[in-house]
Amino acid sequence: MIDGGAVGIPARYLVDRAVPGPLDTVFPLATFGYGTVRLAEEGADSYVVANLVIGGVAHQAPAYSGVCLEQWVRS
């Protein structure tokens, strides 16, 4: 996992620097927190709300599914 982080974090940063320019988009490709703050600074309020809602669901759904699966296996 450490090796993946050592490669993935810089790669994600480099992709974020390279891709948004040509795409000319305000939607972030970077990490959740950085992207949300960047959107707020640019005044893209609807994108901030969408980022928070979609991000929240995307992070909670696997956790909820895991708890349900564990309860099903134990029963």
C-alpha atoms as a PDB file:
ATOM      1  CA  MET A   1       0.000   0.000   0.000  1.00  0.00           C
ATOM      2  CA  ILE A   2       2.875   2.369   0.706  1.00  0.00           C
ATOM      3  CA  ASP A   3       4.315   1.714  -2.747  1.00  0.00           C
ATOM      4  CA  GLY A   4       0.953   2.461  -4.342  1.00  0.00           C
ATOM      5  CA  GLY A   5       0.695   5.744  -2.455  1.00  0.00           C
ATOM      6  CA  ALA A   6       4.261   6.674  -3.342  1.00  0.00           C
ATOM      7  CA  VAL A   7       3.443   6.288  -7.034  1.00  0.00           C
ATOM      8  CA  GLY A   8      -0.238   7.266  -7.045  1.00  0.00           C
ATOM      9  CA  ILE A   9      -0.092  10.576  -5.194  1.00  0.00           C
ATOM     10  CA  PRO A  10       2.499  12.245  -7.428  1.00  0.00           C
ATOM     11  CA  ALA A  11       0.862  10.743 -10.522  1.00  0.00           C
ATOM     12  CA  ARG A  12      -2.528  12.156  -9.554  1.00  0.00           C
ATOM     13  CA  TYR A  13      -0.946  15.582  -8.973  1.00  0.00           C
ATOM     14  CA  LEU A  14       0.775  15.521 -12.361  1.00  0.00           C
ATOM     15  CA  VAL A  15      -2.393  14.427 -14.146  1.00  0.00           C
ATOM     16  CA  ASP A  16      -4.348  17.193 -12.423  1.00  0.00           C
ATOM     17  CA  ARG A  17      -1.804  19.748 -13.603  1.00  0.00           C
ATOM     18  CA  ALA A  18      -1.767  18.408 -17.177  1.00  0.00           C
ATOM     19  CA  VAL A  19      -5.421  17.611 -17.870  1.00  0.00           C
ATOM     20  CA  PRO A  20      -7.633  20.503 -16.667  1.00  0.00           C
ATOM     21  CA  GLY A  21      -5.901  23.075 -18.892  1.00  0.00           C
ATOM     22  CA  PRO A  22      -6.748  21.408 -22.199  1.00  0.00           C
ATOM     23  CA  LEU A  23     -10.236  20.425 -20.996  1.00  0.00           C
ATOM     24  CA  ASP A  24     -11.015  23.959 -19.752  1.00  0.00           C
ATOM     25  CA  THR A  25     -13.215  22.717 -16.913  1.00  0.00           C
ATOM     26  CA  VAL A  26     -13.827  23.856 -13.360  1.00  0.00           C
ATOM     27  CA  PHE A  27     -14.662  20.352 -12.137  1.00  0.00           C
ATOM     28  CA  PRO A  28     -11.699  18.998 -10.163  1.00  0.00           C
ATOM     29  CA  LEU A  29      -9.607  15.991 -11.019  1.00  0.00           C
ATOM     30  CA  ALA A  30      -7.549  16.387  -7.823  1.00  0.00           C
ATOM     31  CA  THR A  31      -8.260  15.148  -4.337  1.00  0.00           C
ATOM     32  CA  PHE A  32     -11.675  15.797  -2.816  1.00  0.00           C
ATOM     33  CA  GLY A  33     -10.682  18.530  -0.361  1.00  0.00           C
ATOM     34  CA  TYR A  34      -8.433  20.448  -2.719  1.00  0.00           C
ATOM     35  CA  GLY A  35     -10.962  20.275  -5.518  1.00  0.00           C
ATOM     36  CA  THR A  36     -13.838  21.457  -3.340  1.00  0.00           C
ATOM     37  CA  VAL A  37     -11.853  24.429  -2.021  1.00  0.00           C
ATOM     38  CA  ARG A  38     -10.725  25.333  -5.533  1.00  0.00           C
ATOM     39  CA  LEU A  39     -14.299  25.283  -6.787  1.00  0.00           C
ATOM     40  CA  ALA A  40     -15.440  27.467  -3.886  1.00  0.00           C
ATOM     41  CA  GLU A  41     -12.668  29.979  -4.561  1.00  0.00           C
ATOM     42  CA  GLU A  42     -13.739  30.183  -8.198  1.00  0.00           C
ATOM     43  CA  GLY A  43     -17.354  30.833  -7.162  1.00  0.00           C
ATOM     44  CA  ALA A  44     -18.714  27.637  -8.705  1.00  0.00           C
ATOM     45  CA  ASP A  45     -21.279  27.089  -5.952  1.00  0.00           C
ATOM     46  CA  SER A  46     -23.397  24.519  -7.780  1.00  0.00           C
ATOM     47  CA  TYR A  47     -20.276  22.450  -8.483  1.00  0.00           C
ATOM     48  CA  VAL A  48     -19.281  22.676  -4.806  1.00  0.00           C
ATOM     49  CA  VAL A  49     -22.673  21.307  -3.743  1.00  0.00           C
ATOM     50  CA  ALA A  50     -22.567  18.584  -6.411  1.00  0.00           C
ATOM     51  CA  ASN A  51     -19.023  17.645  -5.383  1.00  0.00           C
ATOM     52  CA  LEU A  52     -20.040  17.360  -1.725  1.00  0.00           C
ATOM     53  CA  VAL A  53     -23.192  15.338  -2.402  1.00  0.00           C
ATOM     54  CA  ILE A  54     -21.668  12.987  -4.964  1.00  0.00           C
ATOM     55  CA  GLY A  55     -18.498  12.599  -2.911  1.00  0.00           C
ATOM     56  CA  GLY A  56     -20.475  11.863   0.240  1.00  0.00           C
ATOM     57  CA  VAL A  57     -22.577   9.200  -1.456  1.00  0.00           C
ATOM     58  CA  ALA A  58     -19.548   7.714  -3.197  1.00  0.00           C
ATOM     59  CA  HIS A  59     -17.713   7.363   0.117  1.00  0.00           C
ATOM     60  CA  GLN A  60     -20.637   6.168   2.240  1.00  0.00           C
ATOM     61  CA  ALA A  61     -22.129   3.606  -0.157  1.00  0.00           C
ATOM     62  CA  PRO A  62     -19.199   1.139   0.003  1.00  0.00           C
ATOM     63  CA  ALA A  63     -19.019   1.456   3.787  1.00  0.00           C
ATOM     64  CA  TYR A  64     -22.741   0.786   4.151  1.00  0.00           C
ATOM     65  CA  SER A  65     -22.515  -2.127   1.726  1.00  0.00           C
ATOM     66  CA  GLY A  66     -19.644  -3.604   3.714  1.00  0.00           C
ATOM     67  CA  VAL A  67     -21.599  -3.410   6.979  1.00  0.00           C
ATOM     68  CA  CYS A  68     -24.634  -5.022   5.343  1.00  0.00           C
ATOM     69  CA  LEU A  69     -22.498  -7.790   3.861  1.00  0.00           C
ATOM     70  CA  GLU A  70     -20.847  -8.469   7.201  1.00  0.00           C
ATOM     71  CA  GLN A  71     -24.235  -8.717   8.947  1.00  0.00           C
ATOM     72  CA  TRP A  72     -25.517 -11.033   6.225  1.00  0.00           C
ATOM     73  CA  VAL A  73     -22.468 -13.300   6.518  1.00  0.00           C
ATOM     74  CA  ARG A  74     -22.759 -13.481  10.299  1.00  0.00           C
ATOM     75  CA  SER A  75     -26.467 -14.369  10.233  1.00  0.00           C
END
